Protein backbone atom coordinates (compact mmCIF):
# COMPACT_ATOMS: atom_id res chain seq x y z
CA UNK A 1 1.21 -21.89 23.33
CA UNK A 2 -0.04 -25.11 24.90
CA UNK A 3 -2.86 -24.60 27.40
CA UNK A 4 -4.22 -27.31 29.65
CA UNK A 5 -7.98 -27.65 29.94
CA UNK A 6 -10.68 -29.79 31.48
CA UNK A 7 -13.86 -31.26 30.07
CA UNK A 8 -15.78 -28.63 32.05
CA UNK A 9 -13.87 -25.88 30.23
CA UNK A 10 -14.67 -27.52 26.90
CA UNK A 11 -18.34 -27.73 27.80
CA UNK A 12 -18.43 -24.12 29.01
CA UNK A 13 -16.81 -22.76 25.85
CA UNK A 14 -19.21 -24.75 23.71
CA UNK A 15 -22.30 -23.67 25.65
CA UNK A 16 -21.39 -20.02 26.22
CA UNK A 17 -19.44 -19.14 23.08
CA UNK A 18 -20.28 -21.89 20.57
CA UNK A 19 -16.71 -22.95 19.88
CA UNK A 20 -14.51 -25.87 20.86
CA UNK A 21 -11.41 -25.56 22.97
CA UNK A 22 -9.31 -26.47 19.93
CA UNK A 23 -10.73 -23.44 18.09
CA UNK A 24 -10.16 -21.24 21.15
CA UNK A 25 -6.56 -22.42 21.44
CA UNK A 26 -5.71 -22.07 17.76
CA UNK A 27 -7.28 -18.68 16.99
CA UNK A 28 -5.88 -15.59 18.68
CA UNK A 29 -8.75 -13.47 17.36
CA UNK A 30 -11.37 -15.80 18.84
CA UNK A 31 -9.47 -16.03 22.10
CA UNK A 32 -9.25 -12.24 22.40
CA UNK A 33 -12.95 -11.85 21.59
CA UNK A 34 -13.95 -14.39 24.23
CA UNK A 35 -11.67 -12.88 26.86
CA UNK A 36 -13.12 -9.42 26.14
CA UNK A 37 -16.63 -10.84 26.55
CA UNK A 38 -15.60 -12.42 29.86
CA UNK A 39 -14.12 -9.15 31.07
CA UNK A 40 -17.27 -7.25 30.12
CA UNK A 41 -19.48 -9.79 31.89
CA UNK A 42 -17.28 -9.72 34.99
CA UNK A 43 -17.42 -5.92 35.10
CA UNK A 44 -21.22 -5.97 34.69
CA UNK A 45 -21.55 -8.43 37.57
CA UNK A 46 -19.33 -6.27 39.77
CA UNK A 47 -21.49 -3.21 38.99
CA UNK A 48 -24.61 -5.20 39.87
CA UNK A 49 -23.15 -6.30 43.20
CA UNK A 50 -22.10 -2.72 44.02
CA UNK A 51 -25.58 -1.50 43.14
CA UNK A 52 -27.21 -4.07 45.41
CA UNK A 53 -24.79 -3.35 48.23
CA UNK A 54 -25.37 0.40 48.01
CA UNK A 55 -29.15 -0.15 48.36
CA UNK A 56 -28.81 -2.30 51.47
CA UNK A 57 -29.37 -0.25 54.65
């Protein structure tokens, strides 16, 4: 599968996950691991926002 990417995506993968886009693209296991991490982080952020919103009068 050929994915298009930007230099910002390359930089983000390198900084956040320590791998290059080429590694991400070529390894299904790494891709699944990173996407699971992203999902977990997204869910945590949503819980934080809900918590803050529920405390606001």
